[in-house]
Protein backbone atom coordinates (compact mmCIF):
# COMPACT_ATOMS: atom_id res chain seq x y z
CA UNK A 1 -57.37 -7.80 40.91
CA UNK A 2 -56.85 -5.48 43.87
CA UNK A 3 -53.06 -6.05 43.87
CA UNK A 4 -52.50 -5.11 40.26
CA UNK A 5 -53.74 -2.69 37.68
CA UNK A 6 -57.18 -3.46 36.32
CA UNK A 7 -57.16 -3.84 32.54
CA UNK A 8 -60.20 -2.03 31.17
CA UNK A 9 -61.42 -2.52 27.63
CA UNK A 10 -63.35 0.55 26.46
CA UNK A 11 -65.63 -0.34 23.53
CA UNK A 12 -66.97 2.44 21.30
CA UNK A 13 -68.14 3.35 17.78
CA UNK A 14 -70.51 0.74 16.43
CA UNK A 15 -73.13 0.30 13.71
CA UNK A 16 -75.48 2.99 14.91
CA UNK A 17 -76.64 6.49 14.10
CA UNK A 18 -74.90 7.48 17.34
CA UNK A 19 -71.46 6.28 16.20
CA UNK A 20 -69.87 9.74 16.40
CA UNK A 21 -71.34 10.54 19.82
CA UNK A 22 -69.99 7.23 21.11
CA UNK A 23 -66.44 8.14 20.04
CA UNK A 24 -66.57 11.48 21.88
CA UNK A 25 -67.87 9.82 25.08
CA UNK A 26 -65.22 7.09 24.93
CA UNK A 27 -62.32 9.48 24.39
CA UNK A 28 -63.38 11.40 27.48
CA UNK A 29 -63.50 8.21 29.56
CA UNK A 30 -60.16 6.96 28.24
CA UNK A 31 -58.49 10.27 29.06
CA UNK A 32 -59.93 10.34 32.60
CA UNK A 33 -59.20 6.76 33.72
CA UNK A 34 -56.43 6.81 36.34
CA UNK A 35 -53.37 5.13 34.80
CA UNK A 36 -52.10 4.28 38.29
CA UNK A 37 -55.11 1.99 38.68
CA UNK A 38 -55.94 0.95 35.14
CA UNK A 39 -54.41 -0.32 31.94
CA UNK A 40 -56.74 0.93 29.20
CA UNK A 41 -57.38 -0.95 25.97
CA UNK A 42 -59.36 1.07 23.38
CA UNK A 43 -61.64 -1.21 21.32
CA UNK A 44 -63.37 0.29 18.31
CA UNK A 45 -66.19 -1.00 16.15
CA UNK A 46 -66.46 0.54 12.69
CA UNK A 47 -69.68 1.54 10.98
CA UNK A 48 -69.47 -1.76 9.10
CA UNK A 49 -69.13 -3.72 12.32
CA UNK A 50 -65.41 -4.51 12.18
CA UNK A 51 -63.59 -4.77 15.52
CA UNK A 52 -60.17 -3.21 16.02
CA UNK A 53 -58.07 -2.57 19.11
CA UNK A 54 -55.11 -0.34 19.85
CA UNK A 55 -54.02 3.19 20.64
CA UNK A 56 -54.89 4.53 17.16
CA UNK A 57 -58.43 3.19 17.12
CA UNK A 58 -60.24 6.49 17.68
CA UNK A 59 -58.48 8.29 14.83
CA UNK A 60 -59.05 5.33 12.52
CA UNK A 61 -62.77 5.33 13.32
CA UNK A 62 -63.01 9.06 12.77
CA UNK A 63 -61.39 8.77 9.35
CA UNK A 64 -62.87 5.34 8.57
CA UNK A 65 -59.42 4.26 7.39
CA UNK A 66 -58.98 0.60 6.50
CA UNK A 67 -55.29 0.09 5.71
CA UNK A 68 -54.37 -0.69 9.30
CA UNK A 69 -57.31 -3.02 9.99
CA UNK A 70 -55.46 -6.33 9.42
CA UNK A 71 -52.91 -5.46 12.12
CA UNK A 72 -55.53 -4.37 14.64
CA UNK A 73 -58.46 -6.75 14.20
CA UNK A 74 -59.35 -8.37 17.49
CA UNK A 75 -62.65 -9.47 18.97
CA UNK A 76 -64.01 -10.54 22.33
CA UNK A 77 -64.74 -14.23 22.16
CA UNK A 78 -67.87 -15.75 23.78
CA UNK A 79 -65.61 -18.44 25.24
CA UNK A 80 -65.52 -17.65 29.01
CA UNK A 81 -62.24 -19.56 29.44
CA UNK A 82 -60.51 -16.87 27.38
CA UNK A 83 -61.68 -13.61 28.98
CA UNK A 84 -59.74 -11.67 26.41
CA UNK A 85 -59.47 -9.95 23.06
CA UNK A 86 -58.55 -12.55 20.46
CA UNK A 87 -56.76 -11.68 17.20
CA UNK A 88 -58.83 -12.38 14.09
CA UNK A 89 -56.27 -12.17 11.27
CA UNK A 90 -52.60 -11.57 10.66
CA UNK A 91 -50.73 -10.13 7.69
CA UNK A 92 -48.00 -12.59 8.65
CA UNK A 93 -49.73 -15.97 8.98
CA UNK A 94 -46.77 -17.54 10.77
CA UNK A 95 -46.59 -14.79 13.35
CA UNK A 96 -47.99 -15.66 16.74
CA UNK A 97 -50.49 -12.98 17.72
CA UNK A 98 -51.09 -12.57 21.43
CA UNK A 99 -54.45 -12.43 23.13
CA UNK A 100 -55.16 -9.45 25.38
CA UNK A 101 -56.64 -10.46 28.74
CA UNK A 102 -59.32 -8.09 30.07
CA UNK A 103 -60.52 -7.64 33.65
CA UNK A 104 -63.55 -5.49 32.90
CA UNK A 105 -65.30 -3.96 29.88
CA UNK A 106 -66.63 -0.39 29.74
CA UNK A 107 -69.10 -0.35 26.81
CA UNK A 108 -69.64 3.19 25.54
CA UNK A 109 -71.87 2.22 22.64
CA UNK A 110 -74.93 4.39 22.15
CA UNK A 111 -77.92 3.06 20.22
CA UNK A 112 -78.73 -0.27 18.55
CA UNK A 113 -76.16 -3.09 18.46
CA UNK A 114 -74.45 -1.70 21.52
CA UNK A 115 -76.90 -0.33 24.05
CA UNK A 116 -79.80 -2.67 23.26
CA UNK A 117 -78.64 -5.91 24.89
CA UNK A 118 -76.82 -7.38 21.90
CA UNK A 119 -73.36 -6.38 23.12
CA UNK A 120 -74.35 -7.22 26.68
CA UNK A 121 -75.28 -10.73 25.53
CA UNK A 122 -71.80 -11.21 24.06
CA UNK A 123 -70.20 -9.89 27.24
CA UNK A 124 -72.31 -12.25 29.37
CA UNK A 125 -71.08 -15.18 27.28
CA UNK A 126 -67.48 -13.95 27.54
CA UNK A 127 -67.61 -14.02 31.32
CA UNK A 128 -65.90 -10.62 31.54
CA UNK A 129 -67.43 -8.12 34.02
CA UNK A 130 -68.89 -5.09 32.26
CA UNK A 131 -70.20 -1.67 33.22
CA UNK A 132 -73.91 -0.99 33.01
CA UNK A 133 -77.17 -2.85 32.62
CA UNK A 134 -77.45 -6.47 31.55
CA UNK A 135 -79.28 -7.93 28.57
CA UNK A 136 -82.80 -7.32 29.87
CA UNK A 137 -82.28 -3.82 31.23
CA UNK A 138 -80.40 -2.75 28.12
CA UNK A 139 -83.03 -4.14 25.72
CA UNK A 140 -85.93 -2.56 27.60
CA UNK A 141 -84.09 0.73 28.03
CA UNK A 142 -83.39 0.93 24.30
CA UNK A 143 -86.87 0.05 23.08
CA UNK A 144 -89.16 3.02 23.76
CA UNK A 145 -92.31 1.00 23.08
CA UNK A 146 -91.57 -1.86 25.50
CA UNK A 147 -90.23 0.67 28.00
CA UNK A 148 -93.44 2.73 27.92
CA UNK A 149 -95.62 -0.35 28.30
CA UNK A 150 -93.58 -1.55 31.27
CA UNK A 151 -93.75 1.89 32.90
CA UNK A 152 -97.50 1.91 32.31
CA UNK A 153 -97.87 -1.48 33.99
CA UNK A 154 -95.85 -0.16 36.93
CA UNK A 155 -98.29 2.76 37.24
CA UNK A 156 -95.56 5.28 36.51
CA UNK A 157 -96.70 8.57 34.94
CA UNK A 158 -96.22 8.61 31.15
CA UNK A 159 -97.72 10.50 28.21
CA UNK A 160 -100.24 8.96 25.79
CA UNK A 161 -98.56 7.06 22.96
CA UNK A 162 -99.25 5.02 19.86
CA UNK A 163 -96.94 2.46 18.24
CA UNK A 164 -96.86 0.55 14.96
CA UNK A 165 -94.58 -1.28 12.52
CA UNK A 166 -92.93 0.22 9.46
CA UNK A 167 -94.48 -2.58 7.38
CA UNK A 168 -97.94 -1.58 8.63
CA UNK A 169 -97.26 2.01 7.56
CA UNK A 170 -96.18 0.94 4.08
CA UNK A 171 -99.22 -1.30 3.75
CA UNK A 172 -101.83 1.27 4.85
CA UNK A 173 -100.49 4.74 5.76
CA UNK A 174 -103.99 6.24 5.71
CA UNK A 175 -105.19 3.85 8.42
CA UNK A 176 -102.18 4.57 10.62
CA UNK A 177 -102.61 8.33 10.17
CA UNK A 178 -106.31 8.09 10.99
CA UNK A 179 -105.68 5.98 14.10
CA UNK A 180 -102.96 8.30 15.37
CA UNK A 181 -104.98 11.49 14.96
CA UNK A 182 -107.98 9.82 16.57
CA UNK A 183 -106.07 8.72 19.68
CA UNK A 184 -103.56 11.54 20.12
CA UNK A 185 -103.74 15.32 19.93
CA UNK A 186 -101.35 17.57 18.05
CA UNK A 187 -98.56 18.47 18.48
CA UNK A 188 -96.90 15.04 18.62
CA UNK A 189 -93.39 13.63 18.74
CA UNK A 190 -92.60 10.87 16.26
CA UNK A 191 -89.64 8.63 17.12
CA UNK A 192 -87.84 5.46 16.04
CA UNK A 193 -88.42 2.96 18.85
CA UNK A 194 -84.75 2.02 19.11
CA UNK A 195 -82.39 4.96 18.87
CA UNK A 196 -81.08 7.82 20.98
CA UNK A 197 -79.50 11.28 20.77
CA UNK A 198 -82.79 12.47 19.19
CA UNK A 199 -81.79 10.87 15.87
CA UNK A 200 -84.85 10.44 13.64
CA UNK A 201 -87.14 12.35 16.01
CA UNK A 202 -89.51 15.03 14.70
CA UNK A 203 -92.23 17.22 16.13
CA UNK A 204 -95.46 17.21 14.13
CA UNK A 205 -97.97 20.05 14.52
CA UNK A 206 -100.40 18.94 11.82
CA UNK A 207 -101.22 16.04 9.50
CA UNK A 208 -98.69 16.93 6.77
CA UNK A 209 -95.85 17.16 9.28
CA UNK A 210 -97.00 13.91 10.88
CA UNK A 211 -96.66 12.01 7.61
CA UNK A 212 -93.21 13.49 6.96
CA UNK A 213 -92.14 12.69 10.53
CA UNK A 214 -93.22 9.06 10.24
CA UNK A 215 -91.25 8.68 7.01
CA UNK A 216 -88.19 10.14 8.73
CA UNK A 217 -88.46 7.86 11.76
CA UNK A 218 -89.00 4.82 9.52
CA UNK A 219 -85.54 5.38 8.01
CA UNK A 220 -83.98 4.32 11.30
CA UNK A 221 -86.19 1.58 12.73
CA UNK A 222 -88.91 -0.93 11.84
CA UNK A 223 -90.91 0.11 14.92
CA UNK A 224 -92.27 3.62 15.40
CA UNK A 225 -93.69 5.35 18.47
CA UNK A 226 -95.71 8.56 18.53
CA UNK A 227 -96.24 10.49 21.76
CA UNK A 228 -98.43 13.40 22.75
CA UNK A 229 -96.51 16.54 23.56
CA UNK A 230 -96.47 17.81 27.13
CA UNK A 231 -97.46 21.49 26.96
CA UNK A 232 -95.17 24.05 28.58
CA UNK A 233 -92.72 21.27 29.36
CA UNK A 234 -89.52 21.63 31.33
CA UNK A 235 -86.99 18.88 30.56
CA UNK A 236 -85.64 17.42 33.80
CA UNK A 237 -82.95 14.74 33.99
CA UNK A 238 -81.52 12.77 36.89
CA UNK A 239 -78.68 10.26 37.24
CA UNK A 240 -78.89 6.86 38.95
CA UNK A 241 -75.88 4.90 40.20
CA UNK A 242 -75.73 1.43 41.74
CA UNK A 243 -76.83 -2.17 41.37
CA UNK A 244 -79.44 -3.62 43.73
CA UNK A 245 -79.42 -0.55 46.00
CA UNK A 246 -79.11 2.39 43.61
CA UNK A 247 -78.82 6.05 44.53
CA UNK A 248 -79.95 9.17 42.70
CA UNK A 249 -78.20 12.45 42.06
CA UNK A 250 -79.70 15.90 42.20
CA UNK A 251 -81.84 16.63 39.12
CA UNK A 252 -80.80 18.99 36.34
CA UNK A 253 -82.74 20.89 33.70
CA UNK A 254 -82.15 21.22 29.97
CA UNK A 255 -83.22 24.45 28.28
CA UNK A 256 -83.02 23.53 24.59
CA UNK A 257 -81.78 26.05 22.04
CA UNK A 258 -84.17 24.63 19.44
CA UNK A 259 -87.90 23.90 19.66
CA UNK A 260 -86.97 20.64 21.36
CA UNK A 261 -83.73 19.00 22.47
CA UNK A 262 -82.77 17.58 19.07
CA UNK A 263 -79.37 16.36 17.82
CA UNK A 264 -78.16 19.85 16.86
CA UNK A 265 -79.22 21.31 20.20
CA UNK A 266 -77.42 18.51 22.05
CA UNK A 267 -74.13 18.36 20.20
CA UNK A 268 -73.63 21.02 17.54
CA UNK A 269 -74.83 24.57 18.15
CA UNK A 270 -73.65 24.75 21.76
CA UNK A 271 -76.50 27.11 22.69
CA UNK A 272 -78.60 24.83 24.90
CA UNK A 273 -78.46 25.69 28.59
CA UNK A 274 -77.91 23.14 31.34
CA UNK A 275 -79.07 24.13 34.81
CA UNK A 276 -77.58 22.03 37.63
CA UNK A 277 -79.18 21.58 40.04
CA UNK A 278 -82.61 22.25 38.59
CA UNK A 279 -84.57 24.97 40.35
CA UNK A 280 -87.37 22.86 41.77
CA UNK A 281 -89.25 22.59 45.08
CA UNK A 282 -87.77 19.99 47.44
CA UNK A 283 -91.01 17.97 47.27
CA UNK A 284 -90.77 17.78 43.45
CA UNK A 285 -87.11 16.73 43.68
CA UNK A 286 -88.02 13.90 46.07
CA UNK A 287 -90.78 12.76 43.71
CA UNK A 288 -88.40 12.75 40.72
CA UNK A 289 -85.83 10.77 42.69
CA UNK A 290 -88.40 8.22 43.81
CA UNK A 291 -89.82 7.69 40.31
CA UNK A 292 -86.30 7.42 38.85
CA UNK A 293 -85.44 4.64 41.29
CA UNK A 294 -88.67 2.81 40.46
CA UNK A 295 -87.94 3.08 36.75
CA UNK A 296 -84.35 1.85 37.27
CA UNK A 297 -85.48 -1.18 39.25
CA UNK A 298 -88.52 -1.93 37.07
CA UNK A 299 -86.26 -2.28 34.02
CA UNK A 300 -83.67 -4.33 35.98
CA UNK A 301 -80.96 -1.78 35.31
CA UNK A 302 -77.52 -1.92 36.88
CA UNK A 303 -74.50 0.34 37.19
CA UNK A 304 -75.80 3.53 35.69
CA UNK A 305 -78.73 5.19 33.98
CA UNK A 306 -80.00 8.66 33.23
CA UNK A 307 -83.74 9.06 33.70
CA UNK A 308 -85.52 11.83 31.81
CA UNK A 309 -88.71 13.62 32.79
CA UNK A 310 -91.08 16.22 31.38
CA UNK A 311 -92.67 18.66 33.80
CA UNK A 312 -95.86 20.47 32.83
CA UNK A 313 -95.25 23.92 34.29
CA UNK A 314 -98.88 25.00 34.45
CA UNK A 315 -100.26 21.81 36.00
CA UNK A 316 -97.05 21.02 37.87
CA UNK A 317 -97.43 17.44 36.64
CA UNK A 318 -94.50 15.09 36.07
CA UNK A 319 -94.19 12.62 33.19
CA UNK A 320 -91.53 9.94 33.03
CA UNK A 321 -90.06 10.15 29.53
CA UNK A 322 -87.38 7.47 29.28
CA UNK A 323 -84.39 5.73 30.83
CA UNK A 324 -80.96 5.72 29.16
CA UNK A 325 -78.72 2.83 30.16
CA UNK A 326 -75.54 4.18 28.49
CA UNK A 327 -75.94 7.96 28.71
CA UNK A 328 -73.59 10.45 27.10
CA UNK A 329 -70.32 10.40 29.02
CA UNK A 330 -68.19 13.36 28.02
CA UNK A 331 -66.93 15.46 30.91
CA UNK A 332 -69.72 17.96 30.15
CA UNK A 333 -72.50 15.41 29.64
CA UNK A 334 -75.50 15.53 31.94
CA UNK A 335 -74.93 12.17 33.65
CA UNK A 336 -71.47 12.89 35.08
CA UNK A 337 -72.23 16.59 35.64
CA UNK A 338 -75.20 15.69 37.84
CA UNK A 339 -73.01 13.42 39.94
CA UNK A 340 -70.34 16.09 40.15
CA UNK A 341 -72.96 18.45 41.58
CA UNK A 342 -73.97 15.68 43.97
CA UNK A 343 -70.43 15.18 45.28
CA UNK A 344 -68.86 12.54 43.00
CA UNK A 345 -66.16 13.70 40.58
CA UNK A 346 -65.84 12.37 37.02
CA UNK A 347 -62.77 10.29 37.90
CA UNK A 348 -64.37 8.85 41.06
CA UNK A 349 -67.54 8.09 39.10
CA UNK A 350 -65.54 5.95 36.67
CA UNK A 351 -63.94 4.14 39.62
CA UNK A 352 -67.36 3.44 41.11
CA UNK A 353 -68.82 2.14 37.85
CA UNK A 354 -65.94 -0.28 37.37
CA UNK A 355 -66.30 -1.43 40.97
CA UNK A 356 -70.04 -1.98 40.45
CA UNK A 357 -69.34 -4.03 37.32
CA UNK A 358 -66.98 -6.33 39.21
CA UNK A 359 -69.39 -6.64 42.16
CA UNK A 360 -72.26 -7.53 39.84
CA UNK A 361 -70.20 -10.25 38.18
CA UNK A 362 -69.24 -11.72 41.56
CA UNK A 363 -72.91 -11.75 42.54
CA UNK A 364 -73.91 -13.50 39.29
CA UNK A 365 -71.21 -16.09 39.91
CA UNK A 366 -73.10 -17.18 43.03
CA UNK A 367 -75.92 -18.56 40.86
CA UNK A 368 -75.71 -22.25 39.94
CA UNK A 369 -75.25 -22.93 36.25
CA UNK A 370 -75.93 -26.64 36.38
CA UNK A 371 -78.41 -29.00 37.98
CA UNK A 372 -77.74 -32.57 39.03
CA UNK A 373 -80.95 -34.62 39.02
CA UNK A 374 -81.40 -37.44 41.54
CA UNK A 375 -81.46 -39.95 38.72
CA UNK A 376 -78.97 -39.56 35.92
CA UNK A 377 -81.55 -40.34 33.23
CA UNK A 378 -79.59 -38.43 30.60
CA UNK A 379 -76.75 -40.95 30.68
CA UNK A 380 -78.96 -43.93 29.83
């Protein structure tokens, strides 16, 4: 692939509450990829789960238009002998529709059915190298409950939390409320276990708000997590880049325009402040970097991740909040901005991520996929 352009399929959209954020991230990546090195194939997934490919994909997703779908419907097949986008339908049945070979996939899908291991499973079956974590790392990174339990087992610093099923809440909300208030202190954050961009997250300061917050979170997921609030918290984020030997950027700080860094504060009002690099003692920076690497490796991440922390200002105590395996990727998003401050430009960062995807695939190819027993008992 070194002697020709690398054909990159950029997948975005998807059946998730973060559909719109995904489109913005993908458009930024598509615009920045060096056309001297790459042929770019935009691949969109609608809110209904339909796959389409072509130059007009982003505008079609934005408008949710359907007239052009039959001409554009293509999907990545799990057949590794194909390694391409395969046409699904044709308005002219006799017309021969061509497959589009792909060298690497750049998934820019935020949230469930894209960032949670489901898409990564398809890409593993397809045999096409792809940017970012694999099935395990993606699934753990998406599920806040499993993630917290893994971090706890790794003796990483986390806040107290409580988790339960939506069905348990519907069956006995009084019991859940009683258990939560017994184990955790107000104020609390109530979250869907599998979602990002602060969708479905609420801060509860008393019992009435807690009940309302649980109902809101339950709209988005069947599993709910509630966490104690870190008092006087500073929100610190750091970027990780690499496969088996990852590196960390300098940390940055988010000063939210709202009471916490919710969806509006992240994407809409434009009033939140980003401080890069964060004004922290060198010892604290080293601690953040070390914990971020441990979190990255504990979850078997690859390629990229943004690791988020909460810092109690009064006690100067750090809490590992979460790891994001497909962080926001606009040119002003925290992940690329942190690397820019650490000496890697947005364009070079994309180059590195694609290189890491290809390297990871080559490494996986070294593993045997078959076993020949001494006695061929299976042929008897």
